[in-house]
Amino acid sequence: MGDARKKEVSYTRIMKHKKVKEYEQNFMDEHGYIYCELCSINQSFAFSVHHIVYKSQCGNHPEINNHKNLIMVCADCHKKLHDNQKENDNLIQERGLKELFI
């Protein structure tokens, strides 16, 4: 891979990371605390931002880190979303993500 391509890939990864961090910060600013957007629990040790349309499905799509495609979840719900495609598909439909990723 050429130097220019390496810089482009690194820049893309940094920008994606920044957008996820921005989502986390905006969530805190808006709500004042972290909670799971699916089960509403706020007493968990592990919260993460889940990509509803997986990065593995759309890789470098410019909208992969769009806030509509991100959701704050506890570890249990994160696992459920990865284990149960139907729940994830419901979120895709609710948030209009098919149109975003066309």
C-alpha atoms as a PDB file:
ATOM      1  CA  MET A   1       0.000   0.000   0.000  1.00  0.00           C
ATOM      2  CA  GLY A   2       1.382   3.381  -0.974  1.00  0.00           C
ATOM      3  CA  ASP A   3       2.092   6.122   1.566  1.00  0.00           C
ATOM      4  CA  ALA A   4      -0.817   8.254   0.346  1.00  0.00           C
ATOM      5  CA  ARG A   5      -3.232   5.317   0.714  1.00  0.00           C
ATOM      6  CA  LYS A   6      -1.923   4.562   4.236  1.00  0.00           C
ATOM      7  CA  LYS A   7      -2.514   8.188   5.257  1.00  0.00           C
ATOM      8  CA  GLU A   8      -6.036   8.102   3.785  1.00  0.00           C
ATOM      9  CA  VAL A   9      -6.919   4.896   5.657  1.00  0.00           C
ATOM     10  CA  SER A  10      -5.459   6.257   8.911  1.00  0.00           C
ATOM     11  CA  TYR A  11      -7.322   9.539   8.493  1.00  0.00           C
ATOM     12  CA  THR A  12     -10.583   7.654   7.814  1.00  0.00           C
ATOM     13  CA  ARG A  13     -10.140   5.547  10.956  1.00  0.00           C
ATOM     14  CA  ILE A  14      -9.375   8.630  13.060  1.00  0.00           C
ATOM     15  CA  MET A  15     -12.436  10.455  11.703  1.00  0.00           C
ATOM     16  CA  LYS A  16     -14.672   7.456  12.382  1.00  0.00           C
ATOM     17  CA  HIS A  17     -13.323   7.223  15.886  1.00  0.00           C
ATOM     18  CA  LYS A  18     -13.955  10.938  16.403  1.00  0.00           C
ATOM     19  CA  LYS A  19     -17.563  10.599  15.274  1.00  0.00           C
ATOM     20  CA  VAL A  20     -18.205   7.748  17.713  1.00  0.00           C
ATOM     21  CA  LYS A  21     -16.587   9.760  20.520  1.00  0.00           C
ATOM     22  CA  GLU A  22     -18.698  12.742  19.476  1.00  0.00           C
ATOM     23  CA  TYR A  23     -21.825  10.579  19.737  1.00  0.00           C
ATOM     24  CA  GLU A  24     -20.806   9.486  23.253  1.00  0.00           C
ATOM     25  CA  GLN A  25     -20.186  13.082  24.318  1.00  0.00           C
ATOM     26  CA  ASN A  26     -23.428  14.345  22.789  1.00  0.00           C
ATOM     27  CA  PHE A  27     -25.286  11.543  24.566  1.00  0.00           C
ATOM     28  CA  MET A  28     -23.802  12.599  27.909  1.00  0.00           C
ATOM     29  CA  ASP A  29     -24.480  16.281  27.222  1.00  0.00           C
ATOM     30  CA  GLU A  30     -28.097  15.603  26.275  1.00  0.00           C
ATOM     31  CA  HIS A  31     -28.986  13.107  29.012  1.00  0.00           C
ATOM     32  CA  GLY A  32     -26.502  13.851  31.790  1.00  0.00           C
ATOM     33  CA  TYR A  33     -25.569  10.202  32.222  1.00  0.00           C
ATOM     34  CA  ILE A  34     -25.038   7.008  30.225  1.00  0.00           C
ATOM     35  CA  TYR A  35     -27.811   4.458  29.912  1.00  0.00           C
ATOM     36  CA  CYS A  36     -28.782   1.701  27.521  1.00  0.00           C
ATOM     37  CA  GLU A  37     -31.110   2.973  24.816  1.00  0.00           C
ATOM     38  CA  LEU A  38     -32.723  -0.458  24.568  1.00  0.00           C
ATOM     39  CA  CYS A  39     -33.331  -1.610  28.151  1.00  0.00           C
ATOM     40  CA  SER A  40     -32.783   1.759  29.922  1.00  0.00           C
ATOM     41  CA  ILE A  41     -30.388   0.277  32.483  1.00  0.00           C
ATOM     42  CA  ASN A  42     -27.891   2.777  33.853  1.00  0.00           C
ATOM     43  CA  GLN A  43     -26.217   0.562  36.449  1.00  0.00           C
ATOM     44  CA  SER A  44     -23.888  -1.346  34.159  1.00  0.00           C
ATOM     45  CA  PHE A  45     -20.130  -1.468  34.147  1.00  0.00           C
ATOM     46  CA  ALA A  46     -19.925  -1.687  30.389  1.00  0.00           C
ATOM     47  CA  PHE A  47     -21.623   0.527  27.862  1.00  0.00           C
ATOM     48  CA  SER A  48     -20.639   0.824  24.247  1.00  0.00           C
ATOM     49  CA  VAL A  49     -21.724   2.487  21.058  1.00  0.00           C
ATOM     50  CA  HIS A  50     -23.149  -0.102  18.668  1.00  0.00           C
ATOM     51  CA  HIS A  51     -23.219   0.331  14.904  1.00  0.00           C
ATOM     52  CA  ILE A  52     -26.714  -0.788  13.893  1.00  0.00           C
ATOM     53  CA  VAL A  53     -25.574  -1.403  10.320  1.00  0.00           C
ATOM     54  CA  TYR A  54     -22.347  -3.213  11.089  1.00  0.00           C
ATOM     55  CA  LYS A  55     -18.996  -1.927   9.921  1.00  0.00           C
ATOM     56  CA  SER A  56     -18.405  -5.401   8.491  1.00  0.00           C
ATOM     57  CA  GLN A  57     -21.471  -4.919   6.270  1.00  0.00           C
ATOM     58  CA  CYS A  58     -20.594  -1.491   4.901  1.00  0.00           C
ATOM     59  CA  GLY A  59     -16.943  -0.956   5.796  1.00  0.00           C
ATOM     60  CA  ASN A  60     -15.923   2.429   4.476  1.00  0.00           C
ATOM     61  CA  HIS A  61     -19.418   3.715   3.700  1.00  0.00           C
ATOM     62  CA  PRO A  62     -19.417   7.459   4.452  1.00  0.00           C
ATOM     63  CA  GLU A  63     -22.522   7.133   6.679  1.00  0.00           C
ATOM     64  CA  ILE A  64     -21.284   4.230   8.834  1.00  0.00           C
ATOM     65  CA  ASN A  65     -20.734   6.579  11.788  1.00  0.00           C
ATOM     66  CA  ASN A  66     -23.822   8.702  11.195  1.00  0.00           C
ATOM     67  CA  HIS A  67     -25.529   9.301  14.551  1.00  0.00           C
ATOM     68  CA  LYS A  68     -28.693   7.601  13.229  1.00  0.00           C
ATOM     69  CA  ASN A  69     -26.611   4.417  12.871  1.00  0.00           C
ATOM     70  CA  LEU A  70     -25.238   4.544  16.425  1.00  0.00           C
ATOM     71  CA  ILE A  71     -26.913   3.472  19.639  1.00  0.00           C
ATOM     72  CA  MET A  72     -25.690   3.422  23.242  1.00  0.00           C
ATOM     73  CA  VAL A  73     -26.147  -0.052  24.704  1.00  0.00           C
ATOM     74  CA  CYS A  74     -25.167  -2.072  27.762  1.00  0.00           C
ATOM     75  CA  ALA A  75     -23.026  -5.175  27.295  1.00  0.00           C
ATOM     76  CA  ASP A  76     -26.033  -7.516  27.514  1.00  0.00           C
ATOM     77  CA  CYS A  77     -28.036  -5.670  24.862  1.00  0.00           C
ATOM     78  CA  HIS A  78     -24.953  -5.328  22.656  1.00  0.00           C
ATOM     79  CA  LYS A  79     -24.579  -9.098  22.688  1.00  0.00           C
ATOM     80  CA  LYS A  80     -28.311  -9.555  21.997  1.00  0.00           C
ATOM     81  CA  LEU A  81     -28.092  -7.267  18.959  1.00  0.00           C
ATOM     82  CA  HIS A  82     -25.246  -9.318  17.533  1.00  0.00           C
ATOM     83  CA  ASP A  83     -26.955 -12.615  18.348  1.00  0.00           C
ATOM     84  CA  ASN A  84     -30.449 -11.646  17.139  1.00  0.00           C
ATOM     85  CA  GLN A  85     -30.498 -10.128  13.668  1.00  0.00           C
ATOM     86  CA  LYS A  86     -34.266  -9.499  13.918  1.00  0.00           C
ATOM     87  CA  GLU A  87     -33.789  -6.949  16.724  1.00  0.00           C
ATOM     88  CA  ASN A  88     -31.088  -5.237  14.705  1.00  0.00           C
ATOM     89  CA  ASP A  89     -33.316  -5.265  11.606  1.00  0.00           C
ATOM     90  CA  ASN A  90     -36.079  -3.578  13.639  1.00  0.00           C
ATOM     91  CA  LEU A  91     -33.671  -0.768  14.543  1.00  0.00           C
ATOM     92  CA  ILE A  92     -32.659  -0.439  10.889  1.00  0.00           C
ATOM     93  CA  GLN A  93     -36.297  -0.010   9.943  1.00  0.00           C
ATOM     94  CA  GLU A  94     -37.183   2.321  12.854  1.00  0.00           C
ATOM     95  CA  ARG A  95     -34.303   4.664  12.073  1.00  0.00           C
ATOM     96  CA  GLY A  96     -34.687   4.621   8.279  1.00  0.00           C
ATOM     97  CA  LEU A  97     -31.173   3.280   7.787  1.00  0.00           C
ATOM     98  CA  LYS A  98     -31.881   1.401   4.548  1.00  0.00           C
ATOM     99  CA  GLU A  99     -32.357   4.749   2.820  1.00  0.00           C
ATOM    100  CA  LEU A 100     -29.185   6.088   4.388  1.00  0.00           C
ATOM    101  CA  PHE A 101     -27.086   3.188   3.102  1.00  0.00           C
ATOM    102  CA  ILE A 102     -28.462   2.955  -0.444  1.00  0.00           C
END
